PDB file of N, CA and C in Angstrom:
ATOM      1  N   UNK A   1      51.172 -41.305 -99.930  1.00  0.00           N
ATOM      2  CA  UNK A   1      51.110 -40.469-100.942  1.00  0.00           C
ATOM      3  C   UNK A   1      51.041 -39.007-100.457  1.00  0.00           C
ATOM      4  N   UNK A   2      51.893 -38.050-100.938  1.00  0.00           N
ATOM      5  CA  UNK A   2      51.827 -36.808-100.498  1.00  0.00           C
ATOM      6  C   UNK A   2      51.365 -35.863-101.615  1.00  0.00           C
ATOM      7  N   UNK A   3      50.218 -35.408-101.514  1.00  0.00           N
ATOM      8  CA  UNK A   3      49.626 -34.502-102.447  1.00  0.00           C
ATOM      9  C   UNK A   3      50.337 -33.100-102.354  1.00  0.00           C
ATOM     10  N   UNK A   4      50.661 -32.843-101.063  1.00  0.00           N
ATOM     11  CA  UNK A   4      51.352 -31.565-100.834  1.00  0.00           C
ATOM     12  C   UNK A   4      52.735 -31.509-101.520  1.00  0.00           C
ATOM     13  N   UNK A   5      53.482 -32.584-101.414  1.00  0.00           N
ATOM     14  CA  UNK A   5      54.720 -32.666-102.118  1.00  0.00           C
ATOM     15  C   UNK A   5      54.592 -32.598-103.621  1.00  0.00           C
ATOM     16  N   UNK A   6      53.569 -33.218-104.190  1.00  0.00           N
ATOM     17  CA  UNK A   6      53.375 -33.111-105.640  1.00  0.00           C
ATOM     18  C   UNK A   6      52.968 -31.684-106.029  1.00  0.00           C
ATOM     19  N   UNK A   7      52.089 -31.104-105.344  1.00  0.00           N
ATOM     20  CA  UNK A   7      51.718 -29.710-105.628  1.00  0.00           C
ATOM     21  C   UNK A   7      52.919 -28.711-105.465  1.00  0.00           C
ATOM     22  N   UNK A   8      53.721 -28.922-104.432  1.00  0.00           N
ATOM     23  CA  UNK A   8      54.843 -28.010-104.214  1.00  0.00           C
ATOM     24  C   UNK A   8      55.886 -28.193-105.268  1.00  0.00           C
ATOM     25  N   UNK A   9      56.111 -29.412-105.651  1.00  0.00           N
ATOM     26  CA  UNK A   9      57.176 -29.672-106.757  1.00  0.00           C
ATOM     27  C   UNK A   9      56.656 -29.069-108.013  1.00  0.00           C
ATOM     28  N   UNK A  10      55.416 -29.096-108.424  1.00  0.00           N
ATOM     29  CA  UNK A  10      54.898 -28.495-109.516  1.00  0.00           C
ATOM     30  C   UNK A  10      55.136 -26.912-109.611  1.00  0.00           C
ATOM     31  N   UNK A  11      54.769 -26.352-108.375  1.00  0.00           N
ATOM     32  CA  UNK A  11      54.863 -24.925-108.263  1.00  0.00           C
ATOM     33  C   UNK A  11      56.364 -24.519-108.436  1.00  0.00           C
ATOM     34  N   UNK A  12      57.203 -25.310-107.821  1.00  0.00           N
ATOM     35  CA  UNK A  12      58.672 -24.972-107.847  1.00  0.00           C
ATOM     36  C   UNK A  12      59.181 -25.086-109.298  1.00  0.00           C
ATOM     37  N   UNK A  13      58.678 -26.071-110.117  1.00  0.00           N
ATOM     38  CA  UNK A  13      59.082 -26.083-111.513  1.00  0.00           C
ATOM     39  C   UNK A  13      58.734 -24.897-112.280  1.00  0.00           C
ATOM     40  N   UNK A  14      57.497 -24.305-112.009  1.00  0.00           N
ATOM     41  CA  UNK A  14      57.061 -23.154-112.717  1.00  0.00           C
ATOM     42  C   UNK A  14      57.886 -21.906-112.298  1.00  0.00           C
ATOM     43  N   UNK A  15      58.095 -21.798-111.069  1.00  0.00           N
ATOM     44  CA  UNK A  15      58.930 -20.639-110.553  1.00  0.00           C
ATOM     45  C   UNK A  15      60.293 -20.706-111.052  1.00  0.00           C
ATOM     46  N   UNK A  16      60.957 -21.973-111.069  1.00  0.00           N
ATOM     47  CA  UNK A  16      62.275 -22.090-111.586  1.00  0.00           C
ATOM     48  C   UNK A  16      62.290 -21.733-113.153  1.00  0.00           C
ATOM     49  N   UNK A  17      61.273 -22.248-113.857  1.00  0.00           N
ATOM     50  CA  UNK A  17      61.174 -21.935-115.276  1.00  0.00           C
ATOM     51  C   UNK A  17      61.091 -20.356-115.543  1.00  0.00           C
ATOM     52  N   UNK A  18      60.259 -19.763-114.724  1.00  0.00           N
ATOM     53  CA  UNK A  18      60.201 -18.236-114.796  1.00  0.00           C
ATOM     54  C   UNK A  18      61.548 -17.553-114.616  1.00  0.00           C
ATOM     55  N   UNK A  19      62.386 -18.038-113.789  1.00  0.00           N
ATOM     56  CA  UNK A  19      63.673 -17.485-113.560  1.00  0.00           C
ATOM     57  C   UNK A  19      64.621 -17.787-114.712  1.00  0.00           C
ATOM     58  N   UNK A  20      64.585 -19.080-115.154  1.00  0.00           N
ATOM     59  CA  UNK A  20      65.483 -19.511-116.197  1.00  0.00           C
ATOM     60  C   UNK A  20      65.135 -18.775-117.554  1.00  0.00           C
ATOM     61  N   UNK A  21      63.824 -18.371-117.714  1.00  0.00           N
ATOM     62  CA  UNK A  21      63.484 -17.592-118.890  1.00  0.00           C
ATOM     63  C   UNK A  21      64.290 -16.283-118.961  1.00  0.00           C
ATOM     64  N   UNK A  22      64.437 -15.588-117.901  1.00  0.00           N
ATOM     65  CA  UNK A  22      65.150 -14.328-117.716  1.00  0.00           C
ATOM     66  C   UNK A  22      66.625 -14.578-118.007  1.00  0.00           C
ATOM     67  N   UNK A  23      67.189 -15.629-117.400  1.00  0.00           N
ATOM     68  CA  UNK A  23      68.628 -15.946-117.532  1.00  0.00           C
ATOM     69  C   UNK A  23      69.004 -16.388-118.885  1.00  0.00           C
ATOM     70  N   UNK A  24      68.055 -17.104-119.553  1.00  0.00           N
ATOM     71  CA  UNK A  24      68.453 -17.692-120.875  1.00  0.00           C
ATOM     72  C   UNK A  24      68.114 -16.749-122.047  1.00  0.00           C
ATOM     73  N   UNK A  25      67.326 -15.718-121.834  1.00  0.00           N
ATOM     74  CA  UNK A  25      66.840 -14.832-122.860  1.00  0.00           C
ATOM     75  C   UNK A  25      68.084 -14.230-123.701  1.00  0.00           C
ATOM     76  N   UNK A  26      69.103 -13.779-123.114  1.00  0.00           N
ATOM     77  CA  UNK A  26      70.206 -13.301-123.938  1.00  0.00           C
ATOM     78  C   UNK A  26      70.855 -14.333-124.887  1.00  0.00           C
ATOM     79  N   UNK A  27      70.651 -15.550-124.579  1.00  0.00           N
ATOM     80  CA  UNK A  27      71.200 -16.680-125.433  1.00  0.00           C
ATOM     81  C   UNK A  27      70.242 -17.187-126.461  1.00  0.00           C
ATOM     82  N   UNK A  28      69.041 -16.537-126.529  1.00  0.00           N
ATOM     83  CA  UNK A  28      68.001 -16.977-127.463  1.00  0.00           C
ATOM     84  C   UNK A  28      67.378 -18.365-127.120  1.00  0.00           C
ATOM     85  N   UNK A  29      67.421 -18.801-125.849  1.00  0.00           N
ATOM     86  CA  UNK A  29      66.853 -20.014-125.441  1.00  0.00           C
ATOM     87  C   UNK A  29      65.469 -19.807-124.901  1.00  0.00           C
ATOM     88  N   UNK A  30      64.542 -20.583-125.471  1.00  0.00           N
ATOM     89  CA  UNK A  30      63.075 -20.600-124.926  1.00  0.00           C
ATOM     90  C   UNK A  30      62.985 -21.586-123.823  1.00  0.00           C
ATOM     91  N   UNK A  31      62.156 -21.244-122.862  1.00  0.00           N
ATOM     92  CA  UNK A  31      61.862 -22.106-121.695  1.00  0.00           C
ATOM     93  C   UNK A  31      60.408 -22.203-121.639  1.00  0.00           C
ATOM     94  N   UNK A  32      59.914 -23.428-121.455  1.00  0.00           N
ATOM     95  CA  UNK A  32      58.450 -23.648-121.239  1.00  0.00           C
ATOM     96  C   UNK A  32      58.251 -24.668-120.194  1.00  0.00           C
ATOM     97  N   UNK A  33      57.045 -24.601-119.613  1.00  0.00           N
ATOM     98  CA  UNK A  33      56.473 -25.614-118.690  1.00  0.00           C
ATOM     99  C   UNK A  33      55.239 -26.165-119.402  1.00  0.00           C
ATOM    100  N   UNK A  34      55.020 -27.446-119.289  1.00  0.00           N
ATOM    101  CA  UNK A  34      53.828 -28.051-119.826  1.00  0.00           C
ATOM    102  C   UNK A  34      52.937 -28.533-118.615  1.00  0.00           C
ATOM    103  N   UNK A  35      51.703 -28.105-118.673  1.00  0.00           N
ATOM    104  CA  UNK A  35      50.651 -28.480-117.632  1.00  0.00           C
ATOM    105  C   UNK A  35      49.404 -28.922-118.448  1.00  0.00           C
ATOM    106  N   UNK A  36      49.345 -30.136-118.961  1.00  0.00           N
ATOM    107  CA  UNK A  36      48.238 -30.588-119.769  1.00  0.00           C
ATOM    108  C   UNK A  36      46.944 -30.890-118.937  1.00  0.00           C
ATOM    109  N   UNK A  37      46.951 -30.865-117.624  1.00  0.00           N
ATOM    110  CA  UNK A  37      45.833 -31.163-116.863  1.00  0.00           C
ATOM    111  C   UNK A  37      46.001 -32.575-116.180  1.00  0.00           C
ATOM    112  N   UNK A  38      44.936 -33.017-115.579  1.00  0.00           N
ATOM    113  CA  UNK A  38      44.935 -34.259-114.879  1.00  0.00           C
ATOM    114  C   UNK A  38      45.023 -35.455-115.851  1.00  0.00           C
ATOM    115  N   UNK A  39      46.120 -36.105-115.807  1.00  0.00           N
ATOM    116  CA  UNK A  39      46.307 -37.263-116.643  1.00  0.00           C
ATOM    117  C   UNK A  39      45.956 -38.575-115.950  1.00  0.00           C
ATOM    118  N   UNK A  40      45.452 -39.510-116.660  1.00  0.00           N
ATOM    119  CA  UNK A  40      45.181 -40.881-116.102  1.00  0.00           C
ATOM    120  C   UNK A  40      46.507 -41.563-115.836  1.00  0.00           C
ATOM    121  N   UNK A  41      47.087 -41.495-114.677  1.00  0.00           N
ATOM    122  CA  UNK A  41      48.310 -41.986-114.357  1.00  0.00           C
ATOM    123  C   UNK A  41      48.163 -42.918-113.219  1.00  0.00           C
ATOM    124  N   UNK A  42      49.341 -43.566-112.810  1.00  0.00           N
ATOM    125  CA  UNK A  42      49.226 -44.394-111.673  1.00  0.00           C
ATOM    126  C   UNK A  42      48.993 -43.525-110.373  1.00  0.00           C
ATOM    127  N   UNK A  43      49.471 -42.314-110.403  1.00  0.00           N
ATOM    128  CA  UNK A  43      49.239 -41.427-109.231  1.00  0.00           C
ATOM    129  C   UNK A  43      47.717 -41.225-109.037  1.00  0.00           C
ATOM    130  N   UNK A  44      47.001 -40.968-110.166  1.00  0.00           N
ATOM    131  CA  UNK A  44      45.524 -40.778-110.015  1.00  0.00           C
ATOM    132  C   UNK A  44      44.913 -42.054-109.458  1.00  0.00           C
ATOM    133  N   UNK A  45      45.356 -43.229-109.895  1.00  0.00           N
ATOM    134  CA  UNK A  45      44.809 -44.447-109.438  1.00  0.00           C
ATOM    135  C   UNK A  45      45.100 -44.582-107.904  1.00  0.00           C
ATOM    136  N   UNK A  46      46.338 -44.260-107.504  1.00  0.00           N
ATOM    137  CA  UNK A  46      46.695 -44.250-106.080  1.00  0.00           C
ATOM    138  C   UNK A  46      45.786 -43.289-105.303  1.00  0.00           C
ATOM    139  N   UNK A  47      45.621 -42.116-105.708  1.00  0.00           N
ATOM    140  CA  UNK A  47      44.755 -41.090-105.019  1.00  0.00           C
ATOM    141  C   UNK A  47      43.325 -41.704-104.892  1.00  0.00           C
ATOM    142  N   UNK A  48      42.774 -42.225-105.913  1.00  0.00           N
ATOM    143  CA  UNK A  48      41.390 -42.757-105.819  1.00  0.00           C
ATOM    144  C   UNK A  48      41.395 -43.882-104.811  1.00  0.00           C
ATOM    145  N   UNK A  49      42.379 -44.793-104.902  1.00  0.00           N
ATOM    146  CA  UNK A  49      42.517 -45.982-103.946  1.00  0.00           C
ATOM    147  C   UNK A  49      42.618 -45.469-102.513  1.00  0.00           C
ATOM    148  N   UNK A  50      43.327 -44.402-102.322  1.00  0.00           N
ATOM    149  CA  UNK A  50      43.481 -43.857-100.919  1.00  0.00           C
ATOM    150  C   UNK A  50      42.179 -43.391-100.334  1.00  0.00           C
ATOM    151  N   UNK A  51      41.208 -42.876-101.186  1.00  0.00           N
ATOM    152  CA  UNK A  51      39.911 -42.495-100.709  1.00  0.00           C
ATOM    153  C   UNK A  51      39.887 -41.087-100.230  1.00  0.00           C
ATOM    154  N   UNK A  52      38.587 -40.604-100.115  1.00  0.00           N
ATOM    155  CA  UNK A  52      38.403 -39.220 -99.771  1.00  0.00           C
ATOM    156  C   UNK A  52      38.845 -38.844 -98.389  1.00  0.00           C
ATOM    157  N   UNK A  53      38.863 -39.782 -97.454  1.00  0.00           N
ATOM    158  CA  UNK A  53      39.388 -39.460 -96.164  1.00  0.00           C
ATOM    159  C   UNK A  53      40.920 -39.107 -96.116  1.00  0.00           C
ATOM    160  N   UNK A  54      41.572 -39.688 -97.074  1.00  0.00           N
ATOM    161  CA  UNK A  54      43.025 -39.433 -97.183  1.00  0.00           C
ATOM    162  C   UNK A  54      43.415 -38.165 -97.915  1.00  0.00           C
ATOM    163  N   UNK A  55      42.563 -37.937 -98.962  1.00  0.00           N
ATOM    164  CA  UNK A  55      42.940 -36.806 -99.888  1.00  0.00           C
ATOM    165  C   UNK A  55      41.960 -35.615 -99.878  1.00  0.00           C
ATOM    166  N   UNK A  56      40.944 -35.721 -99.148  1.00  0.00           N
ATOM    167  CA  UNK A  56      39.975 -34.670 -99.024  1.00  0.00           C
ATOM    168  C   UNK A  56      38.773 -34.916 -99.973  1.00  0.00           C
ATOM    169  N   UNK A  57      37.551 -34.534 -99.567  1.00  0.00           N
ATOM    170  CA  UNK A  57      36.380 -34.826-100.312  1.00  0.00           C
ATOM    171  C   UNK A  57      36.327 -34.150-101.613  1.00  0.00           C
ATOM    172  N   UNK A  58      36.742 -32.843-101.673  1.00  0.00           N
ATOM    173  CA  UNK A  58      36.682 -32.082-102.881  1.00  0.00           C
ATOM    174  C   UNK A  58      37.680 -32.552-103.869  1.00  0.00           C
ATOM    175  N   UNK A  59      38.854 -32.832-103.481  1.00  0.00           N
ATOM    176  CA  UNK A  59      39.923 -33.313-104.401  1.00  0.00           C
ATOM    177  C   UNK A  59      39.611 -34.617-104.905  1.00  0.00           C
ATOM    178  N   UNK A  60      39.058 -35.540-104.020  1.00  0.00           N
ATOM    179  CA  UNK A  60      38.710 -36.961-104.405  1.00  0.00           C
ATOM    180  C   UNK A  60      37.609 -36.851-105.489  1.00  0.00           C
ATOM    181  N   UNK A  61      36.594 -35.946-105.233  1.00  0.00           N
ATOM    182  CA  UNK A  61      35.516 -35.884-106.221  1.00  0.00           C
ATOM    183  C   UNK A  61      35.944 -35.366-107.613  1.00  0.00           C
ATOM    184  N   UNK A  62      36.937 -34.465-107.563  1.00  0.00           N
ATOM    185  CA  UNK A  62      37.394 -33.954-108.871  1.00  0.00           C
ATOM    186  C   UNK A  62      38.256 -35.051-109.588  1.00  0.00           C
ATOM    187  N   UNK A  63      39.072 -35.778-108.838  1.00  0.00           N
ATOM    188  CA  UNK A  63      39.832 -36.888-109.477  1.00  0.00           C
ATOM    189  C   UNK A  63      38.948 -37.954-109.968  1.00  0.00           C
ATOM    190  N   UNK A  64      37.894 -38.297-109.181  1.00  0.00           N
ATOM    191  CA  UNK A  64      36.996 -39.288-109.613  1.00  0.00           C
ATOM    192  C   UNK A  64      36.210 -38.929-110.920  1.00  0.00           C
ATOM    193  N   UNK A  65      35.804 -37.652-110.954  1.00  0.00           N
ATOM    194  CA  UNK A  65      35.137 -37.235-112.181  1.00  0.00           C
ATOM    195  C   UNK A  65      36.051 -37.293-113.390  1.00  0.00           C
ATOM    196  N   UNK A  66      37.316 -36.813-113.141  1.00  0.00           N
ATOM    197  CA  UNK A  66      38.353 -36.829-114.126  1.00  0.00           C
ATOM    198  C   UNK A  66      38.541 -38.283-114.714  1.00  0.00           C
ATOM    199  N   UNK A  67      38.790 -39.196-113.732  1.00  0.00           N
ATOM    200  CA  UNK A  67      38.957 -40.602-114.123  1.00  0.00           C
ATOM    201  C   UNK A  67      37.767 -41.139-114.874  1.00  0.00           C
ATOM    202  N   UNK A  68      36.478 -40.865-114.342  1.00  0.00           N
ATOM    203  CA  UNK A  68      35.292 -41.281-115.030  1.00  0.00           C
ATOM    204  C   UNK A  68      35.133 -40.806-116.465  1.00  0.00           C
ATOM    205  N   UNK A  69      35.572 -39.504-116.601  1.00  0.00           N
ATOM    206  CA  UNK A  69      35.455 -38.878-117.930  1.00  0.00           C
ATOM    207  C   UNK A  69      36.575 -39.268-118.839  1.00  0.00           C
ATOM    208  N   UNK A  70      37.589 -39.958-118.332  1.00  0.00           N
ATOM    209  CA  UNK A  70      38.663 -40.376-119.218  1.00  0.00           C
ATOM    210  C   UNK A  70      39.955 -39.592-118.954  1.00  0.00           C
ATOM    211  N   UNK A  71      39.887 -38.472-118.293  1.00  0.00           N
ATOM    212  CA  UNK A  71      41.166 -37.713-118.079  1.00  0.00           C
ATOM    213  C   UNK A  71      41.696 -37.110-119.278  1.00  0.00           C
ATOM    214  N   UNK A  72      42.726 -36.448-119.152  1.00  0.00           N
ATOM    215  CA  UNK A  72      43.537 -35.950-120.240  1.00  0.00           C
ATOM    216  C   UNK A  72      44.408 -37.073-120.773  1.00  0.00           C
ATOM    217  N   UNK A  73      44.248 -37.475-122.036  1.00  0.00           N
ATOM    218  CA  UNK A  73      45.068 -38.593-122.584  1.00  0.00           C
ATOM    219  C   UNK A  73      46.566 -38.303-122.428  1.00  0.00           C
ATOM    220  N   UNK A  74      47.443 -39.230-122.217  1.00  0.00           N
ATOM    221  CA  UNK A  74      48.881 -39.036-122.021  1.00  0.00           C
ATOM    222  C   UNK A  74      49.406 -38.428-123.249  1.00  0.00           C
ATOM    223  N   UNK A  75      48.806 -38.709-124.414  1.00  0.00           N
ATOM    224  CA  UNK A  75      49.329 -38.193-125.701  1.00  0.00           C
ATOM    225  C   UNK A  75      49.255 -36.684-125.726  1.00  0.00           C
ATOM    226  N   UNK A  76      48.341 -36.067-124.974  1.00  0.00           N
ATOM    227  CA  UNK A  76      48.205 -34.548-124.927  1.00  0.00           C
ATOM    228  C   UNK A  76      49.592 -34.021-124.440  1.00  0.00           C
ATOM    229  N   UNK A  77      50.072 -34.582-123.292  1.00  0.00           N
ATOM    230  CA  UNK A  77      51.371 -34.049-122.743  1.00  0.00           C
ATOM    231  C   UNK A  77      52.501 -34.215-123.695  1.00  0.00           C
ATOM    232  N   UNK A  78      52.482 -35.390-124.350  1.00  0.00           N
ATOM    233  CA  UNK A  78      53.541 -35.741-125.304  1.00  0.00           C
ATOM    234  C   UNK A  78      53.529 -34.773-126.492  1.00  0.00           C
ATOM    235  N   UNK A  79      52.357 -34.594-127.021  1.00  0.00           N
ATOM    236  CA  UNK A  79      52.173 -33.691-128.202  1.00  0.00           C
ATOM    237  C   UNK A  79      52.587 -32.217-127.828  1.00  0.00           C
ATOM    238  N   UNK A  80      52.243 -31.804-126.569  1.00  0.00           N
ATOM    239  CA  UNK A  80      52.662 -30.412-126.165  1.00  0.00           C
ATOM    240  C   UNK A  80      54.205 -30.390-125.996  1.00  0.00           C
ATOM    241  N   UNK A  81      54.897 -31.424-125.596  1.00  0.00           N
ATOM    242  CA  UNK A  81      56.308 -31.387-125.560  1.00  0.00           C
ATOM    243  C   UNK A  81      56.904 -31.291-126.902  1.00  0.00           C
ATOM    244  N   UNK A  82      56.333 -32.034-127.912  1.00  0.00           N
ATOM    245  CA  UNK A  82      56.848 -31.965-129.231  1.00  0.00           C
ATOM    246  C   UNK A  82      56.565 -30.626-129.812  1.00  0.00           C
ATOM    247  N   UNK A  83      55.413 -30.019-129.546  1.00  0.00           N
ATOM    248  CA  UNK A  83      55.120 -28.628-130.136  1.00  0.00           C
ATOM    249  C   UNK A  83      56.074 -27.610-129.647  1.00  0.00           C
ATOM    250  N   UNK A  84      56.350 -27.559-128.371  1.00  0.00           N
ATOM    251  CA  UNK A  84      57.229 -26.533-127.775  1.00  0.00           C
ATOM    252  C   UNK A  84      58.674 -26.842-128.229  1.00  0.00           C
ATOM    253  N   UNK A  85      59.007 -28.041-128.557  1.00  0.00           N
ATOM    254  CA  UNK A  85      60.418 -28.358-129.006  1.00  0.00           C
ATOM    255  C   UNK A  85      60.627 -27.946-130.449  1.00  0.00           C
ATOM    256  N   UNK A  86      59.591 -27.864-131.215  1.00  0.00           N
ATOM    257  CA  UNK A  86      59.672 -27.521-132.677  1.00  0.00           C
ATOM    258  C   UNK A  86      60.106 -26.102-132.828  1.00  0.00           C
ATOM    259  N   UNK A  87      60.697 -25.756-134.033  1.00  0.00           N
ATOM    260  CA  UNK A  87      61.121 -24.417-134.404  1.00  0.00           C
ATOM    261  C   UNK A  87      59.853 -23.730-135.024  1.00  0.00           C
ATOM    262  N   UNK A  88      59.429 -22.677-134.365  1.00  0.00           N
ATOM    263  CA  UNK A  88      58.223 -21.989-134.962  1.00  0.00           C
ATOM    264  C   UNK A  88      58.682 -20.662-135.513  1.00  0.00           C
TER     265      UNK A  88
END
């Protein structure tokens, strides 16, 4: 599991969206990125299973707390996607 690749890909999406915002503005197209927080996904389970030696003590502790607290429900990301897709 590569936390570095995951973090880099998320940063790349944000930078790409910032550029597309400028390019799409003349056409009236809105561009958004959704970052609902740590979701209880398979990746979180894999990070926890890998242990703190593999992912770092601080990161492991944050993921463990998030998992123990229930994390951000998957529905939050879905509802954000619906919200930004609606005509406001």
